[in-house]
Amino acid sequence: MLKMFTLTDKLLFISALLSLVYSEVLFFNNQILQAIFIGIWVPSILGFGIYLKLLGKKNNE
């Protein structure tokens, strides 16, 4: 299952996951604004990963 993901895919997913966890840690430490700021990174990181995947497919055609 994991063989279908490239190293870049795995690194982007791990960075998004770490961003989410860090955001939750900040939230529960009562640093709400910082938690929201870090939490907004998650969809941006995943969107960047999708963009890179689409560029790779376009170059392979």
N, C-alpha and C. Protein backbone atom coordinates (compact mmCIF):
# COMPACT_ATOMS: atom_id res chain seq x y z
N MET A 1 0.82 -1.19 0.00
CA MET A 1 0.00 0.00 0.00
C MET A 1 0.86 1.26 0.00
N LEU A 2 1.87 1.30 0.85
CA LEU A 2 2.69 2.50 0.94
C LEU A 2 3.66 2.65 -0.24
N LYS A 3 3.82 1.60 -1.02
CA LYS A 3 4.75 1.67 -2.16
C LYS A 3 4.23 2.57 -3.27
N MET A 4 2.92 2.86 -3.28
CA MET A 4 2.38 3.71 -4.33
C MET A 4 2.61 5.19 -4.06
N PHE A 5 3.09 5.53 -2.85
CA PHE A 5 3.38 6.91 -2.49
C PHE A 5 4.87 7.18 -2.67
N THR A 6 5.19 8.33 -3.22
CA THR A 6 6.59 8.71 -3.37
C THR A 6 7.09 9.31 -2.06
N LEU A 7 8.38 9.55 -2.01
CA LEU A 7 8.97 10.17 -0.81
C LEU A 7 8.38 11.55 -0.58
N THR A 8 8.16 12.30 -1.64
CA THR A 8 7.58 13.64 -1.53
C THR A 8 6.17 13.56 -0.94
N ASP A 9 5.38 12.60 -1.40
CA ASP A 9 4.03 12.42 -0.87
C ASP A 9 4.06 12.14 0.63
N LYS A 10 4.96 11.27 1.02
CA LYS A 10 5.06 10.91 2.44
C LYS A 10 5.50 12.09 3.28
N LEU A 11 6.47 12.87 2.80
CA LEU A 11 6.96 14.02 3.55
C LEU A 11 5.88 15.10 3.69
N LEU A 12 5.13 15.34 2.63
CA LEU A 12 4.06 16.33 2.71
C LEU A 12 2.95 15.87 3.65
N PHE A 13 2.62 14.59 3.62
CA PHE A 13 1.60 14.08 4.52
C PHE A 13 2.06 14.16 5.98
N ILE A 14 3.31 13.81 6.23
CA ILE A 14 3.84 13.89 7.59
C ILE A 14 3.88 15.33 8.08
N SER A 15 4.27 16.26 7.21
CA SER A 15 4.30 17.67 7.62
C SER A 15 2.90 18.20 7.91
N ALA A 16 1.90 17.78 7.13
CA ALA A 16 0.52 18.19 7.39
C ALA A 16 0.03 17.60 8.71
N LEU A 17 0.37 16.35 8.95
CA LEU A 17 -0.05 15.69 10.19
C LEU A 17 0.61 16.34 11.41
N LEU A 18 1.89 16.64 11.31
CA LEU A 18 2.59 17.31 12.42
C LEU A 18 2.04 18.70 12.67
N SER A 19 1.68 19.40 11.61
CA SER A 19 1.08 20.72 11.75
C SER A 19 -0.25 20.62 12.48
N LEU A 20 -1.04 19.62 12.15
CA LEU A 20 -2.33 19.42 12.82
C LEU A 20 -2.13 19.11 14.30
N VAL A 21 -1.21 18.23 14.61
CA VAL A 21 -0.96 17.86 16.00
C VAL A 21 -0.43 19.06 16.79
N TYR A 22 0.49 19.81 16.20
CA TYR A 22 1.03 20.99 16.88
C TYR A 22 -0.06 22.03 17.11
N SER A 23 -0.96 22.18 16.15
CA SER A 23 -2.07 23.11 16.31
C SER A 23 -2.96 22.70 17.48
N GLU A 24 -3.21 21.42 17.61
CA GLU A 24 -4.04 20.94 18.72
C GLU A 24 -3.34 21.13 20.06
N VAL A 25 -2.04 20.92 20.09
CA VAL A 25 -1.28 21.14 21.33
C VAL A 25 -1.37 22.61 21.73
N LEU A 26 -1.19 23.51 20.78
CA LEU A 26 -1.32 24.93 21.08
C LEU A 26 -2.72 25.29 21.56
N PHE A 27 -3.73 24.71 20.92
CA PHE A 27 -5.11 24.99 21.31
C PHE A 27 -5.38 24.58 22.75
N PHE A 28 -4.92 23.39 23.12
CA PHE A 28 -5.17 22.91 24.48
C PHE A 28 -4.27 23.59 25.51
N ASN A 29 -3.24 24.30 25.05
CA ASN A 29 -2.42 25.12 25.95
C ASN A 29 -2.92 26.55 25.99
N ASN A 30 -4.14 26.76 25.50
CA ASN A 30 -4.84 28.05 25.56
C ASN A 30 -4.15 29.14 24.72
N GLN A 31 -3.52 28.75 23.62
CA GLN A 31 -2.95 29.71 22.67
C GLN A 31 -3.78 29.60 21.38
N ILE A 32 -4.99 30.13 21.46
CA ILE A 32 -6.00 29.90 20.44
C ILE A 32 -5.60 30.49 19.09
N LEU A 33 -5.15 31.74 19.06
CA LEU A 33 -4.83 32.38 17.79
C LEU A 33 -3.65 31.70 17.09
N GLN A 34 -2.64 31.32 17.85
CA GLN A 34 -1.51 30.60 17.26
C GLN A 34 -1.95 29.24 16.72
N ALA A 35 -2.86 28.58 17.44
CA ALA A 35 -3.36 27.28 17.01
C ALA A 35 -4.13 27.40 15.70
N ILE A 36 -4.93 28.43 15.56
CA ILE A 36 -5.68 28.64 14.32
C ILE A 36 -4.72 28.93 13.17
N PHE A 37 -3.71 29.75 13.44
CA PHE A 37 -2.74 30.08 12.39
C PHE A 37 -2.00 28.83 11.90
N ILE A 38 -1.56 28.00 12.81
CA ILE A 38 -0.86 26.77 12.43
C ILE A 38 -1.83 25.79 11.78
N GLY A 39 -3.07 25.72 12.26
CA GLY A 39 -4.06 24.81 11.71
C GLY A 39 -4.42 25.13 10.27
N ILE A 40 -4.32 26.40 9.89
CA ILE A 40 -4.61 26.79 8.50
C ILE A 40 -3.55 26.24 7.55
N TRP A 41 -2.39 25.89 8.04
CA TRP A 41 -1.33 25.35 7.19
C TRP A 41 -1.70 23.98 6.62
N VAL A 42 -2.49 23.21 7.33
CA VAL A 42 -2.77 21.83 6.92
C VAL A 42 -3.38 21.74 5.52
N PRO A 43 -4.48 22.44 5.23
CA PRO A 43 -5.01 22.34 3.86
C PRO A 43 -4.07 22.95 2.82
N SER A 44 -3.29 23.95 3.22
CA SER A 44 -2.33 24.55 2.29
C SER A 44 -1.24 23.56 1.91
N ILE A 45 -0.74 22.81 2.88
CA ILE A 45 0.29 21.80 2.62
C ILE A 45 -0.26 20.70 1.73
N LEU A 46 -1.47 20.23 2.04
CA LEU A 46 -2.07 19.17 1.25
C LEU A 46 -2.40 19.65 -0.17
N GLY A 47 -2.84 20.90 -0.29
CA GLY A 47 -3.10 21.47 -1.61
C GLY A 47 -1.84 21.59 -2.43
N PHE A 48 -0.74 21.97 -1.79
CA PHE A 48 0.55 22.04 -2.48
C PHE A 48 0.98 20.66 -2.96
N GLY A 49 0.71 19.63 -2.15
CA GLY A 49 1.02 18.27 -2.56
C GLY A 49 0.22 17.84 -3.78
N ILE A 50 -1.05 18.20 -3.81
CA ILE A 50 -1.89 17.89 -4.97
C ILE A 50 -1.37 18.61 -6.20
N TYR A 51 -0.98 19.87 -6.03
CA TYR A 51 -0.43 20.65 -7.14
C TYR A 51 0.83 19.98 -7.70
N LEU A 52 1.73 19.54 -6.82
CA LEU A 52 2.94 18.86 -7.28
C LEU A 52 2.61 17.56 -8.00
N LYS A 53 1.61 16.84 -7.51
CA LYS A 53 1.20 15.59 -8.14
C LYS A 53 0.66 15.86 -9.55
N LEU A 54 -0.13 16.92 -9.70
CA LEU A 54 -0.67 17.26 -11.02
C LEU A 54 0.42 17.69 -11.99
N LEU A 55 1.40 18.43 -11.48
CA LEU A 55 2.53 18.82 -12.34
C LEU A 55 3.30 17.60 -12.81
N GLY A 56 3.47 16.63 -11.94
CA GLY A 56 4.17 15.41 -12.31
C GLY A 56 3.43 14.62 -13.37
N LYS A 57 2.10 14.57 -13.26
CA LYS A 57 1.32 13.86 -14.26
C LYS A 57 1.35 14.58 -15.61
N LYS A 58 1.34 15.92 -15.57
CA LYS A 58 1.36 16.70 -16.80
C LYS A 58 2.69 16.50 -17.53
N ASN A 59 3.78 16.43 -16.80
CA ASN A 59 5.10 16.26 -17.40
C ASN A 59 5.30 14.86 -17.96
N ASN A 60 4.58 13.88 -17.41
CA ASN A 60 4.71 12.50 -17.89
C ASN A 60 3.91 12.23 -19.16
N GLU A 61 2.98 13.11 -19.50
CA GLU A 61 2.16 12.90 -20.70
C GLU A 61 2.88 13.29 -21.95
